């Protein structure tokens, strides 16, 4: 009797210790996963911003070269990339950057209208859009949690 009871108590203690260790490991793993997911969101956001900015700059080169067809295609590509980036910004709760990026999108829309009119003023609008995207990229250096 007594030896059996001692062995049962030891097994219960070992089982409880295992459950505590498993719970702590699960919590630690879940915490790391959240950090990795956030880092991935930020990397995808940065990629979208860089892609959008590159497309705006390509459009500016096309406008300089009086190639309004390619400029329009590049502005459309910039709009797509920046809309996706804007959705990520909203998901991260970065409202000030959302406002900046929406300003860039408005400038891109205006630039595309000017491109459709074969108007070189589209270049200044695209420059404003690129600056707004740069501002968002710069604000991400000290990403608030």
C-alpha atoms as a PDB file:
ATOM      1  CA  UNK A   1       0.000   0.000   0.000  1.00  0.00           C
ATOM      2  CA  UNK A   2       2.313   2.734   1.134  1.00  0.00           C
ATOM      3  CA  UNK A   3       4.904   2.236  -1.639  1.00  0.00           C
ATOM      4  CA  UNK A   4       2.137   2.266  -4.255  1.00  0.00           C
ATOM      5  CA  UNK A   5       0.671   5.506  -2.881  1.00  0.00           C
ATOM      6  CA  UNK A   6       4.109   7.221  -2.863  1.00  0.00           C
ATOM      7  CA  UNK A   7       4.651   6.149  -6.458  1.00  0.00           C
ATOM      8  CA  UNK A   8       1.195   7.482  -7.450  1.00  0.00           C
ATOM      9  CA  UNK A   9       1.928  10.860  -5.791  1.00  0.00           C
ATOM     10  CA  UNK A  10       5.220  11.082  -7.678  1.00  0.00           C
ATOM     11  CA  UNK A  11       3.470  10.299 -10.965  1.00  0.00           C
ATOM     12  CA  UNK A  12       0.805  12.944 -10.265  1.00  0.00           C
ATOM     13  CA  UNK A  13       3.473  15.533  -9.489  1.00  0.00           C
ATOM     14  CA  UNK A  14       5.361  14.631 -12.649  1.00  0.00           C
ATOM     15  CA  UNK A  15       2.137  14.860 -14.677  1.00  0.00           C
ATOM     16  CA  UNK A  16       1.314  18.278 -13.180  1.00  0.00           C
ATOM     17  CA  UNK A  17       4.851  19.508 -13.901  1.00  0.00           C
ATOM     18  CA  UNK A  18       4.538  18.316 -17.506  1.00  0.00           C
ATOM     19  CA  UNK A  19       1.216  20.115 -17.923  1.00  0.00           C
ATOM     20  CA  UNK A  20       2.692  23.351 -16.560  1.00  0.00           C
ATOM     21  CA  UNK A  21       5.706  23.009 -18.886  1.00  0.00           C
ATOM     22  CA  UNK A  22       3.449  22.345 -21.877  1.00  0.00           C
ATOM     23  CA  UNK A  23       1.283  25.364 -21.064  1.00  0.00           C
ATOM     24  CA  UNK A  24       4.304  27.621 -20.665  1.00  0.00           C
ATOM     25  CA  UNK A  25       5.787  26.346 -23.941  1.00  0.00           C
ATOM     26  CA  UNK A  26       2.537  26.914 -25.791  1.00  0.00           C
ATOM     27  CA  UNK A  27       2.247  30.480 -24.438  1.00  0.00           C
ATOM     28  CA  UNK A  28       5.862  31.211 -25.358  1.00  0.00           C
ATOM     29  CA  UNK A  29       5.352  29.823 -28.876  1.00  0.00           C
ATOM     30  CA  UNK A  30       2.148  31.797 -29.407  1.00  0.00           C
ATOM     31  CA  UNK A  31       3.928  34.988 -28.339  1.00  0.00           C
ATOM     32  CA  UNK A  32       6.755  34.384 -30.825  1.00  0.00           C
ATOM     33  CA  UNK A  33       4.261  33.678 -33.599  1.00  0.00           C
ATOM     34  CA  UNK A  34       2.550  37.024 -33.021  1.00  0.00           C
ATOM     35  CA  UNK A  35       5.905  38.819 -33.301  1.00  0.00           C
ATOM     36  CA  UNK A  36       6.731  36.938 -36.502  1.00  0.00           C
ATOM     37  CA  UNK A  37       3.303  37.734 -37.990  1.00  0.00           C
ATOM     38  CA  UNK A  38       3.746  41.430 -37.191  1.00  0.00           C
ATOM     39  CA  UNK A  39       7.233  41.452 -38.737  1.00  0.00           C
ATOM     40  CA  UNK A  40       5.814  39.772 -41.844  1.00  0.00           C
ATOM     41  CA  UNK A  41       3.018  42.368 -42.097  1.00  0.00           C
ATOM     42  CA  UNK A  42       5.546  45.185 -41.832  1.00  0.00           C
ATOM     43  CA  UNK A  43       7.807  43.582 -44.466  1.00  0.00           C
ATOM     44  CA  UNK A  44       4.857  43.147 -46.844  1.00  0.00           C
ATOM     45  CA  UNK A  45       3.806  46.743 -46.188  1.00  0.00           C
ATOM     46  CA  UNK A  46       7.303  48.031 -46.942  1.00  0.00           C
ATOM     47  CA  UNK A  47       7.432  45.940 -50.123  1.00  0.00           C
ATOM     48  CA  UNK A  48       4.115  47.400 -51.309  1.00  0.00           C
ATOM     49  CA  UNK A  49       5.250  50.951 -50.552  1.00  0.00           C
ATOM     50  CA  UNK A  50       8.537  50.445 -52.400  1.00  0.00           C
ATOM     51  CA  UNK A  51       6.738  48.873 -55.361  1.00  0.00           C
ATOM     52  CA  UNK A  52       4.251  51.747 -55.502  1.00  0.00           C
ATOM     53  CA  UNK A  53       6.957  54.384 -55.246  1.00  0.00           C
ATOM     54  CA  UNK A  54       8.995  52.709 -57.998  1.00  0.00           C
ATOM     55  CA  UNK A  55       5.956  52.674 -60.284  1.00  0.00           C
ATOM     56  CA  UNK A  56       5.314  56.389 -59.623  1.00  0.00           C
ATOM     57  CA  UNK A  57       8.950  57.186 -60.415  1.00  0.00           C
ATOM     58  CA  UNK A  58       8.739  55.105 -63.603  1.00  0.00           C
ATOM     59  CA  UNK A  59       5.630  57.085 -64.556  1.00  0.00           C
ATOM     60  CA  UNK A  60       7.544  60.325 -64.035  1.00  0.00           C
ATOM     61  CA  UNK A  61      10.270  59.133 -66.393  1.00  0.00           C
ATOM     62  CA  UNK A  62       7.618  58.246 -68.961  1.00  0.00           C
ATOM     63  CA  UNK A  63       6.052  61.698 -68.619  1.00  0.00           C
ATOM     64  CA  UNK A  64       9.466  63.302 -69.196  1.00  0.00           C
ATOM     65  CA  UNK A  65       9.817  61.128 -72.290  1.00  0.00           C
ATOM     66  CA  UNK A  66       6.292  62.095 -73.434  1.00  0.00           C
ATOM     67  CA  UNK A  67       5.248  58.434 -73.272  1.00  0.00           C
ATOM     68  CA  UNK A  68       1.840  58.992 -71.735  1.00  0.00           C
ATOM     69  CA  UNK A  69       0.585  55.441 -72.409  1.00  0.00           C
ATOM     70  CA  UNK A  70       3.322  53.834 -70.315  1.00  0.00           C
ATOM     71  CA  UNK A  71       2.975  56.580 -67.707  1.00  0.00           C
ATOM     72  CA  UNK A  72      -0.687  55.702 -67.303  1.00  0.00           C
ATOM     73  CA  UNK A  73       0.107  51.988 -66.916  1.00  0.00           C
ATOM     74  CA  UNK A  74       2.749  52.747 -64.287  1.00  0.00           C
ATOM     75  CA  UNK A  75       0.365  54.988 -62.367  1.00  0.00           C
ATOM     76  CA  UNK A  76      -2.232  52.196 -62.404  1.00  0.00           C
ATOM     77  CA  UNK A  77       0.381  49.784 -61.036  1.00  0.00           C
ATOM     78  CA  UNK A  78       1.318  52.300 -58.344  1.00  0.00           C
ATOM     79  CA  UNK A  79      -2.340  52.688 -57.384  1.00  0.00           C
ATOM     80  CA  UNK A  80      -2.779  48.915 -56.971  1.00  0.00           C
ATOM     81  CA  UNK A  81       0.360  48.483 -54.860  1.00  0.00           C
ATOM     82  CA  UNK A  82      -0.427  51.498 -52.680  1.00  0.00           C
ATOM     83  CA  UNK A  83      -4.046  50.483 -52.086  1.00  0.00           C
ATOM     84  CA  UNK A  84      -2.818  47.115 -50.788  1.00  0.00           C
ATOM     85  CA  UNK A  85      -0.242  48.906 -48.614  1.00  0.00           C
ATOM     86  CA  UNK A  86      -2.959  51.220 -47.317  1.00  0.00           C
ATOM     87  CA  UNK A  87      -5.052  48.231 -46.223  1.00  0.00           C
ATOM     88  CA  UNK A  88      -2.026  46.888 -44.320  1.00  0.00           C
ATOM     89  CA  UNK A  89      -1.486  50.277 -42.671  1.00  0.00           C
ATOM     90  CA  UNK A  90      -5.100  50.247 -41.508  1.00  0.00           C
ATOM     91  CA  UNK A  91      -4.579  46.741 -40.108  1.00  0.00           C
ATOM     92  CA  UNK A  92      -1.536  47.957 -38.185  1.00  0.00           C
ATOM     93  CA  UNK A  93      -3.480  50.941 -36.817  1.00  0.00           C
ATOM     94  CA  UNK A  94      -1.156  53.551 -38.360  1.00  0.00           C
ATOM     95  CA  UNK A  95      -3.843  56.164 -39.064  1.00  0.00           C
ATOM     96  CA  UNK A  96      -1.477  59.077 -39.734  1.00  0.00           C
ATOM     97  CA  UNK A  97       0.264  57.017 -42.438  1.00  0.00           C
ATOM     98  CA  UNK A  98      -3.133  55.958 -43.844  1.00  0.00           C
ATOM     99  CA  UNK A  99      -3.958  59.651 -44.287  1.00  0.00           C
ATOM    100  CA  UNK A 100      -0.593  60.306 -45.989  1.00  0.00           C
ATOM    101  CA  UNK A 101      -1.027  57.387 -48.343  1.00  0.00           C
ATOM    102  CA  UNK A 102      -4.574  58.410 -49.218  1.00  0.00           C
ATOM    103  CA  UNK A 103      -3.140  61.805 -50.170  1.00  0.00           C
ATOM    104  CA  UNK A 104      -0.636  60.036 -52.444  1.00  0.00           C
ATOM    105  CA  UNK A 105      -3.454  58.024 -54.030  1.00  0.00           C
ATOM    106  CA  UNK A 106      -5.411  61.222 -54.688  1.00  0.00           C
ATOM    107  CA  UNK A 107      -2.337  62.737 -56.375  1.00  0.00           C
ATOM    108  CA  UNK A 108      -1.939  59.610 -58.495  1.00  0.00           C
ATOM    109  CA  UNK A 109      -5.573  59.868 -59.603  1.00  0.00           C
ATOM    110  CA  UNK A 110      -5.036  63.527 -60.533  1.00  0.00           C
ATOM    111  CA  UNK A 111      -1.779  62.713 -62.331  1.00  0.00           C
ATOM    112  CA  UNK A 112      -3.495  59.986 -64.318  1.00  0.00           C
ATOM    113  CA  UNK A 113      -6.196  62.438 -65.424  1.00  0.00           C
ATOM    114  CA  UNK A 114      -3.485  64.854 -66.577  1.00  0.00           C
ATOM    115  CA  UNK A 115      -1.703  62.022 -68.391  1.00  0.00           C
ATOM    116  CA  UNK A 116      -4.957  61.277 -70.184  1.00  0.00           C
ATOM    117  CA  UNK A 117      -4.987  64.923 -71.317  1.00  0.00           C
ATOM    118  CA  UNK A 118      -1.326  64.603 -72.425  1.00  0.00           C
ATOM    119  CA  UNK A 119      -0.497  67.302 -69.862  1.00  0.00           C
ATOM    120  CA  UNK A 120       3.041  67.559 -68.435  1.00  0.00           C
ATOM    121  CA  UNK A 121       1.591  68.874 -65.138  1.00  0.00           C
ATOM    122  CA  UNK A 122       1.104  65.198 -64.302  1.00  0.00           C
ATOM    123  CA  UNK A 123       4.810  65.127 -63.435  1.00  0.00           C
ATOM    124  CA  UNK A 124       4.439  67.513 -60.480  1.00  0.00           C
ATOM    125  CA  UNK A 125       1.450  65.541 -59.171  1.00  0.00           C
ATOM    126  CA  UNK A 126       3.414  62.292 -59.436  1.00  0.00           C
ATOM    127  CA  UNK A 127       6.323  63.952 -57.594  1.00  0.00           C
ATOM    128  CA  UNK A 128       3.940  64.900 -54.765  1.00  0.00           C
ATOM    129  CA  UNK A 129       2.677  61.314 -54.614  1.00  0.00           C
ATOM    130  CA  UNK A 130       6.224  59.935 -54.468  1.00  0.00           C
ATOM    131  CA  UNK A 131       7.061  62.345 -51.627  1.00  0.00           C
ATOM    132  CA  UNK A 132       4.004  61.228 -49.636  1.00  0.00           C
ATOM    133  CA  UNK A 133       5.036  57.583 -50.084  1.00  0.00           C
ATOM    134  CA  UNK A 134       8.574  58.484 -48.949  1.00  0.00           C
ATOM    135  CA  UNK A 135       7.090  60.094 -45.834  1.00  0.00           C
ATOM    136  CA  UNK A 136       5.222  56.882 -45.020  1.00  0.00           C
ATOM    137  CA  UNK A 137       8.351  54.806 -45.631  1.00  0.00           C
ATOM    138  CA  UNK A 138      10.332  57.106 -43.327  1.00  0.00           C
ATOM    139  CA  UNK A 139       7.749  56.922 -40.551  1.00  0.00           C
ATOM    140  CA  UNK A 140       8.011  53.133 -40.465  1.00  0.00           C
ATOM    141  CA  UNK A 141      11.590  53.255 -39.148  1.00  0.00           C
ATOM    142  CA  UNK A 142      10.345  53.585 -35.571  1.00  0.00           C
ATOM    143  CA  UNK A 143       7.328  51.348 -35.963  1.00  0.00           C
ATOM    144  CA  UNK A 144       4.971  51.884 -33.018  1.00  0.00           C
ATOM    145  CA  UNK A 145       3.706  48.722 -31.328  1.00  0.00           C
END
